[in-house]
PDB file of N, CA and C in Angstrom:
ATOM      1  N   UNK A   1      22.845 -49.598-120.612  1.00  0.00           N
ATOM      2  CA  UNK A   1      23.744 -48.640-121.213  1.00  0.00           C
ATOM      3  C   UNK A   1      24.998 -48.527-120.364  1.00  0.00           C
ATOM      4  N   UNK A   2      26.016 -49.142-120.836  1.00  0.00           N
ATOM      5  CA  UNK A   2      27.295 -49.127-120.147  1.00  0.00           C
ATOM      6  C   UNK A   2      28.241 -48.201-120.900  1.00  0.00           C
ATOM      7  N   UNK A   3      28.465 -47.020-120.375  1.00  0.00           N
ATOM      8  CA  UNK A   3      29.348 -46.064-121.040  1.00  0.00           C
ATOM      9  C   UNK A   3      30.662 -45.997-120.289  1.00  0.00           C
ATOM     10  N   UNK A   4      31.752 -46.186-121.024  1.00  0.00           N
ATOM     11  CA  UNK A   4      33.077 -46.039-120.441  1.00  0.00           C
ATOM     12  C   UNK A   4      33.642 -44.708-120.881  1.00  0.00           C
ATOM     13  N   UNK A   5      34.172 -43.994-119.939  1.00  0.00           N
ATOM     14  CA  UNK A   5      34.731 -42.677-120.260  1.00  0.00           C
ATOM     15  C   UNK A   5      36.180 -42.838-120.715  1.00  0.00           C
ATOM     16  N   UNK A   6      36.466 -42.364-121.909  1.00  0.00           N
ATOM     17  CA  UNK A   6      37.815 -42.404-122.467  1.00  0.00           C
ATOM     18  C   UNK A   6      38.515 -41.091-122.138  1.00  0.00           C
ATOM     19  N   UNK A   7      39.858 -41.075-122.057  1.00  0.00           N
ATOM     20  CA  UNK A   7      40.576 -39.845-121.678  1.00  0.00           C
ATOM     21  C   UNK A   7      40.564 -38.775-122.761  1.00  0.00           C
ATOM     22  N   UNK A   8      39.740 -37.761-122.570  1.00  0.00           N
ATOM     23  CA  UNK A   8      39.688 -36.567-123.422  1.00  0.00           C
ATOM     24  C   UNK A   8      39.875 -36.851-124.914  1.00  0.00           C
ATOM     25  N   UNK A   9      38.961 -37.559-125.518  1.00  0.00           N
ATOM     26  CA  UNK A   9      39.069 -37.837-126.948  1.00  0.00           C
ATOM     27  C   UNK A   9      38.155 -36.901-127.727  1.00  0.00           C
ATOM     28  N   UNK A  10      38.640 -36.456-128.863  1.00  0.00           N
ATOM     29  CA  UNK A  10      37.845 -35.642-129.770  1.00  0.00           C
ATOM     30  C   UNK A  10      37.900 -36.293-131.144  1.00  0.00           C
ATOM     31  N   UNK A  11      36.777 -36.346-131.801  1.00  0.00           N
ATOM     32  CA  UNK A  11      36.742 -36.909-133.145  1.00  0.00           C
ATOM     33  C   UNK A  11      36.554 -35.752-134.122  1.00  0.00           C
ATOM     34  N   UNK A  12      37.557 -35.563-134.983  1.00  0.00           N
ATOM     35  CA  UNK A  12      37.488 -34.513-135.986  1.00  0.00           C
ATOM     36  C   UNK A  12      37.857 -35.110-137.327  1.00  0.00           C
ATOM     37  N   UNK A  13      36.985 -35.004-138.282  1.00  0.00           N
ATOM     38  CA  UNK A  13      37.201 -35.527-139.625  1.00  0.00           C
ATOM     39  C   UNK A  13      37.700 -36.970-139.593  1.00  0.00           C
ATOM     40  N   UNK A  14      37.029 -37.784-138.795  1.00  0.00           N
ATOM     41  CA  UNK A  14      37.327 -39.211-138.674  1.00  0.00           C
ATOM     42  C   UNK A  14      38.715 -39.494-138.115  1.00  0.00           C
ATOM     43  N   UNK A  15      39.302 -38.533-137.407  1.00  0.00           N
ATOM     44  CA  UNK A  15      40.579 -38.733-136.737  1.00  0.00           C
ATOM     45  C   UNK A  15      40.344 -38.577-135.241  1.00  0.00           C
ATOM     46  N   UNK A  16      40.951 -39.425-134.477  1.00  0.00           N
ATOM     47  CA  UNK A  16      40.824 -39.353-133.035  1.00  0.00           C
ATOM     48  C   UNK A  16      42.108 -38.761-132.470  1.00  0.00           C
ATOM     49  N   UNK A  17      41.961 -37.713-131.680  1.00  0.00           N
ATOM     50  CA  UNK A  17      43.117 -37.111-131.027  1.00  0.00           C
ATOM     51  C   UNK A  17      42.954 -37.272-129.523  1.00  0.00           C
ATOM     52  N   UNK A  18      43.996 -37.712-128.881  1.00  0.00           N
ATOM     53  CA  UNK A  18      43.978 -37.898-127.436  1.00  0.00           C
ATOM     54  C   UNK A  18      44.915 -36.878-126.816  1.00  0.00           C
ATOM     55  N   UNK A  19      44.402 -36.115-125.878  1.00  0.00           N
ATOM     56  CA  UNK A  19      45.206 -35.094-125.208  1.00  0.00           C
ATOM     57  C   UNK A  19      45.935 -35.729-124.033  1.00  0.00           C
ATOM     58  N   UNK A  20      47.257 -35.738-124.116  1.00  0.00           N
ATOM     59  CA  UNK A  20      48.080 -36.305-123.060  1.00  0.00           C
ATOM     60  C   UNK A  20      48.415 -35.211-122.060  1.00  0.00           C
ATOM     61  N   UNK A  21      48.498 -35.559-120.804  1.00  0.00           N
ATOM     62  CA  UNK A  21      48.855 -34.547-119.808  1.00  0.00           C
ATOM     63  C   UNK A  21      50.299 -34.100-119.988  1.00  0.00           C
ATOM     64  N   UNK A  22      50.546 -32.823-119.664  1.00  0.00           N
ATOM     65  CA  UNK A  22      51.893 -32.261-119.760  1.00  0.00           C
ATOM     66  C   UNK A  22      52.781 -32.917-118.715  1.00  0.00           C
ATOM     67  N   UNK A  23      54.030 -33.214-119.066  1.00  0.00           N
ATOM     68  CA  UNK A  23      54.927 -33.792-118.060  1.00  0.00           C
ATOM     69  C   UNK A  23      55.363 -32.741-117.039  1.00  0.00           C
ATOM     70  N   UNK A  24      55.490 -33.169-115.791  1.00  0.00           N
ATOM     71  CA  UNK A  24      55.975 -32.287-114.722  1.00  0.00           C
ATOM     72  C   UNK A  24      57.468 -32.494-114.570  1.00  0.00           C
ATOM     73  N   UNK A  25      58.192 -31.395-114.428  1.00  0.00           N
ATOM     74  CA  UNK A  25      59.634 -31.433-114.275  1.00  0.00           C
ATOM     75  C   UNK A  25      59.988 -31.011-112.858  1.00  0.00           C
ATOM     76  N   UNK A  26      60.994 -31.662-112.299  1.00  0.00           N
ATOM     77  CA  UNK A  26      61.414 -31.353-110.938  1.00  0.00           C
ATOM     78  C   UNK A  26      62.198 -30.045-110.904  1.00  0.00           C
ATOM     79  N   UNK A  27      62.440 -29.570-109.707  1.00  0.00           N
ATOM     80  CA  UNK A  27      63.186 -28.324-109.497  1.00  0.00           C
ATOM     81  C   UNK A  27      64.561 -28.409-110.154  1.00  0.00           C
ATOM     82  N   UNK A  28      65.271 -29.501-109.941  1.00  0.00           N
ATOM     83  CA  UNK A  28      66.625 -29.637-110.495  1.00  0.00           C
ATOM     84  C   UNK A  28      66.605 -29.711-112.018  1.00  0.00           C
ATOM     85  N   UNK A  29      65.600 -30.380-112.583  1.00  0.00           N
ATOM     86  CA  UNK A  29      65.499 -30.454-114.051  1.00  0.00           C
ATOM     87  C   UNK A  29      65.252 -29.078-114.649  1.00  0.00           C
ATOM     88  N   UNK A  30      64.390 -28.298-114.023  1.00  0.00           N
ATOM     89  CA  UNK A  30      64.087 -26.961-114.533  1.00  0.00           C
ATOM     90  C   UNK A  30      65.293 -26.033-114.415  1.00  0.00           C
ATOM     91  N   UNK A  31      66.018 -26.139-113.310  1.00  0.00           N
ATOM     92  CA  UNK A  31      67.203 -25.292-113.124  1.00  0.00           C
ATOM     93  C   UNK A  31      68.280 -25.661-114.136  1.00  0.00           C
ATOM     94  N   UNK A  32      68.455 -26.959-114.393  1.00  0.00           N
ATOM     95  CA  UNK A  32      69.439 -27.399-115.384  1.00  0.00           C
ATOM     96  C   UNK A  32      69.071 -26.941-116.794  1.00  0.00           C
ATOM     97  N   UNK A  33      67.780 -26.800-117.058  1.00  0.00           N
ATOM     98  CA  UNK A  33      67.302 -26.412-118.386  1.00  0.00           C
ATOM     99  C   UNK A  33      67.055 -24.911-118.487  1.00  0.00           C
ATOM    100  N   UNK A  34      67.643 -24.121-117.610  1.00  0.00           N
ATOM    101  CA  UNK A  34      67.419 -22.673-117.602  1.00  0.00           C
ATOM    102  C   UNK A  34      67.744 -22.034-118.943  1.00  0.00           C
ATOM    103  N   UNK A  35      68.779 -22.518-119.616  1.00  0.00           N
ATOM    104  CA  UNK A  35      69.163 -21.928-120.909  1.00  0.00           C
ATOM    105  C   UNK A  35      68.075 -22.126-121.963  1.00  0.00           C
ATOM    106  N   UNK A  36      67.277 -23.185-121.841  1.00  0.00           N
ATOM    107  CA  UNK A  36      66.187 -23.389-122.804  1.00  0.00           C
ATOM    108  C   UNK A  36      65.075 -22.354-122.622  1.00  0.00           C
ATOM    109  N   UNK A  37      65.031 -21.727-121.433  1.00  0.00           N
ATOM    110  CA  UNK A  37      64.081 -20.645-121.181  1.00  0.00           C
ATOM    111  C   UNK A  37      64.702 -19.284-121.477  1.00  0.00           C
ATOM    112  N   UNK A  38      66.010 -19.283-121.759  1.00  0.00           N
ATOM    113  CA  UNK A  38      66.699 -18.039-122.067  1.00  0.00           C
ATOM    114  C   UNK A  38      67.088 -17.233-120.849  1.00  0.00           C
ATOM    115  N   UNK A  39      67.204 -17.896-119.696  1.00  0.00           N
ATOM    116  CA  UNK A  39      67.565 -17.206-118.452  1.00  0.00           C
ATOM    117  C   UNK A  39      68.651 -17.992-117.726  1.00  0.00           C
ATOM    118  N   UNK A  40      69.185 -17.389-116.656  1.00  0.00           N
ATOM    119  CA  UNK A  40      70.189 -18.052-115.829  1.00  0.00           C
ATOM    120  C   UNK A  40      69.502 -18.977-114.825  1.00  0.00           C
ATOM    121  N   UNK A  41      70.222 -19.976-114.323  1.00  0.00           N
ATOM    122  CA  UNK A  41      69.633 -20.893-113.341  1.00  0.00           C
ATOM    123  C   UNK A  41      69.090 -20.188-112.097  1.00  0.00           C
ATOM    124  N   UNK A  42      69.722 -19.083-111.694  1.00  0.00           N
ATOM    125  CA  UNK A  42      69.263 -18.343-110.521  1.00  0.00           C
ATOM    126  C   UNK A  42      67.855 -17.777-110.725  1.00  0.00           C
ATOM    127  N   UNK A  43      67.562 -17.399-111.953  1.00  0.00           N
ATOM    128  CA  UNK A  43      66.234 -16.854-112.264  1.00  0.00           C
ATOM    129  C   UNK A  43      65.177 -17.954-112.125  1.00  0.00           C
ATOM    130  N   UNK A  44      65.487 -19.140-112.626  1.00  0.00           N
ATOM    131  CA  UNK A  44      64.546 -20.254-112.518  1.00  0.00           C
ATOM    132  C   UNK A  44      64.332 -20.610-111.046  1.00  0.00           C
ATOM    133  N   UNK A  45      65.413 -20.651-110.267  1.00  0.00           N
ATOM    134  CA  UNK A  45      65.290 -20.958-108.840  1.00  0.00           C
ATOM    135  C   UNK A  45      64.418 -19.927-108.134  1.00  0.00           C
ATOM    136  N   UNK A  46      64.600 -18.666-108.457  1.00  0.00           N
ATOM    137  CA  UNK A  46      63.779 -17.604-107.866  1.00  0.00           C
ATOM    138  C   UNK A  46      62.322 -17.710-108.282  1.00  0.00           C
ATOM    139  N   UNK A  47      62.091 -18.036-109.531  1.00  0.00           N
ATOM    140  CA  UNK A  47      60.718 -18.174-110.027  1.00  0.00           C
ATOM    141  C   UNK A  47      60.012 -19.333-109.340  1.00  0.00           C
ATOM    142  N   UNK A  48      60.725 -20.436-109.135  1.00  0.00           N
ATOM    143  CA  UNK A  48      60.134 -21.583-108.442  1.00  0.00           C
ATOM    144  C   UNK A  48      59.808 -21.238-106.990  1.00  0.00           C
ATOM    145  N   UNK A  49      60.703 -20.516-106.359  1.00  0.00           N
ATOM    146  CA  UNK A  49      60.473 -20.124-104.960  1.00  0.00           C
ATOM    147  C   UNK A  49      59.295 -19.166-104.858  1.00  0.00           C
ATOM    148  N   UNK A  50      59.219 -18.202-105.776  1.00  0.00           N
ATOM    149  CA  UNK A  50      58.106 -17.254-105.776  1.00  0.00           C
ATOM    150  C   UNK A  50      56.777 -17.968-106.014  1.00  0.00           C
ATOM    151  N   UNK A  51      56.796 -18.970-106.888  1.00  0.00           N
ATOM    152  CA  UNK A  51      55.577 -19.725-107.189  1.00  0.00           C
ATOM    153  C   UNK A  51      55.227 -20.695-106.069  1.00  0.00           C
ATOM    154  N   UNK A  52      56.212 -21.034-105.237  1.00  0.00           N
ATOM    155  CA  UNK A  52      55.956 -21.953-104.127  1.00  0.00           C
ATOM    156  C   UNK A  52      55.814 -23.400-104.565  1.00  0.00           C
ATOM    157  N   UNK A  53      56.459 -23.756-105.678  1.00  0.00           N
ATOM    158  CA  UNK A  53      56.356 -25.113-106.197  1.00  0.00           C
ATOM    159  C   UNK A  53      57.747 -25.706-106.405  1.00  0.00           C
ATOM    160  N   UNK A  54      57.817 -27.029-106.319  1.00  0.00           N
ATOM    161  CA  UNK A  54      59.075 -27.720-106.590  1.00  0.00           C
ATOM    162  C   UNK A  54      59.048 -28.462-107.914  1.00  0.00           C
ATOM    163  N   UNK A  55      57.872 -28.561-108.527  1.00  0.00           N
ATOM    164  CA  UNK A  55      57.773 -29.169-109.853  1.00  0.00           C
ATOM    165  C   UNK A  55      56.626 -28.509-110.607  1.00  0.00           C
ATOM    166  N   UNK A  56      56.779 -28.442-111.923  1.00  0.00           N
ATOM    167  CA  UNK A  56      55.736 -27.842-112.752  1.00  0.00           C
ATOM    168  C   UNK A  56      55.949 -28.223-114.208  1.00  0.00           C
ATOM    169  N   UNK A  57      54.946 -27.948-115.027  1.00  0.00           N
ATOM    170  CA  UNK A  57      55.043 -28.217-116.457  1.00  0.00           C
ATOM    171  C   UNK A  57      55.823 -27.084-117.111  1.00  0.00           C
ATOM    172  N   UNK A  58      56.210 -27.280-118.364  1.00  0.00           N
ATOM    173  CA  UNK A  58      56.968 -26.245-119.074  1.00  0.00           C
ATOM    174  C   UNK A  58      56.169 -24.939-119.192  1.00  0.00           C
ATOM    175  N   UNK A  59      54.884 -24.994-119.602  1.00  0.00           N
ATOM    176  CA  UNK A  59      54.121 -23.730-119.673  1.00  0.00           C
ATOM    177  C   UNK A  59      53.997 -23.039-118.315  1.00  0.00           C
ATOM    178  N   UNK A  60      53.825 -23.823-117.241  1.00  0.00           N
ATOM    179  CA  UNK A  60      53.761 -23.230-115.905  1.00  0.00           C
ATOM    180  C   UNK A  60      55.091 -22.564-115.550  1.00  0.00           C
ATOM    181  N   UNK A  61      56.198 -23.221-115.909  1.00  0.00           N
ATOM    182  CA  UNK A  61      57.524 -22.676-115.623  1.00  0.00           C
ATOM    183  C   UNK A  61      57.746 -21.379-116.393  1.00  0.00           C
ATOM    184  N   UNK A  62      57.353 -21.358-117.663  1.00  0.00           N
ATOM    185  CA  UNK A  62      57.500 -20.138-118.465  1.00  0.00           C
ATOM    186  C   UNK A  62      56.711 -18.984-117.846  1.00  0.00           C
ATOM    187  N   UNK A  63      55.510 -19.287-117.394  1.00  0.00           N
ATOM    188  CA  UNK A  63      54.661 -18.270-116.776  1.00  0.00           C
ATOM    189  C   UNK A  63      55.275 -17.778-115.464  1.00  0.00           C
ATOM    190  N   UNK A  64      55.811 -18.701-114.657  1.00  0.00           N
ATOM    191  CA  UNK A  64      56.427 -18.338-113.384  1.00  0.00           C
ATOM    192  C   UNK A  64      57.680 -17.493-113.601  1.00  0.00           C
ATOM    193  N   UNK A  65      58.472 -17.837-114.619  1.00  0.00           N
ATOM    194  CA  UNK A  65      59.682 -17.072-114.930  1.00  0.00           C
ATOM    195  C   UNK A  65      59.312 -15.663-115.373  1.00  0.00           C
ATOM    196  N   UNK A  66      58.305 -15.564-116.224  1.00  0.00           N
ATOM    197  CA  UNK A  66      57.865 -14.247-116.701  1.00  0.00           C
ATOM    198  C   UNK A  66      57.376 -13.390-115.535  1.00  0.00           C
ATOM    199  N   UNK A  67      56.594 -14.000-114.640  1.00  0.00           N
ATOM    200  CA  UNK A  67      56.077 -13.278-113.471  1.00  0.00           C
ATOM    201  C   UNK A  67      57.243 -12.845-112.567  1.00  0.00           C
ATOM    202  N   UNK A  68      58.245 -13.718-112.404  1.00  0.00           N
ATOM    203  CA  UNK A  68      59.403 -13.399-111.565  1.00  0.00           C
ATOM    204  C   UNK A  68      60.198 -12.230-112.148  1.00  0.00           C
ATOM    205  N   UNK A  69      60.384 -12.228-113.456  1.00  0.00           N
ATOM    206  CA  UNK A  69      61.166 -11.164-114.091  1.00  0.00           C
ATOM    207  C   UNK A  69      60.444  -9.828-114.115  1.00  0.00           C
ATOM    208  N   UNK A  70      59.110  -9.858-114.086  1.00  0.00           N
ATOM    209  CA  UNK A  70      58.335  -8.627-114.158  1.00  0.00           C
ATOM    210  C   UNK A  70      57.871  -8.124-112.800  1.00  0.00           C
ATOM    211  N   UNK A  71      58.269  -8.778-111.727  1.00  0.00           N
ATOM    212  CA  UNK A  71      57.814  -8.374-110.397  1.00  0.00           C
ATOM    213  C   UNK A  71      58.443  -7.040-109.999  1.00  0.00           C
ATOM    214  N   UNK A  72      57.809  -6.373-109.085  1.00  0.00           N
ATOM    215  CA  UNK A  72      58.321  -5.103-108.562  1.00  0.00           C
ATOM    216  C   UNK A  72      59.267  -5.389-107.420  1.00  0.00           C
ATOM    217  N   UNK A  73      60.378  -4.742-107.416  1.00  0.00           N
ATOM    218  CA  UNK A  73      61.354  -4.894-106.340  1.00  0.00           C
ATOM    219  C   UNK A  73      61.127  -3.779-105.339  1.00  0.00           C
ATOM    220  N   UNK A  74      61.028  -4.140-104.081  1.00  0.00           N
ATOM    221  CA  UNK A  74      60.764  -3.142-103.034  1.00  0.00           C
ATOM    222  C   UNK A  74      62.043  -2.619-102.459  1.00  0.00           C
TER     223      UNK A  74
END
């Protein structure tokens, strides 16, 4: 029995769907795309610094931006 593991495949109604990993965007790409998140580039830079990351996926970036905007200022 030789089983090869395929990358996250699901068979639904005789259709095969393959889940591709989310692309990671660099710090500069995310800052340049700040308007697509509806914020200024400074907000994206702050969110990346708060998260401690230099690259992340779009959902991770959205979550980091939301957390940055909702943080308490001391």
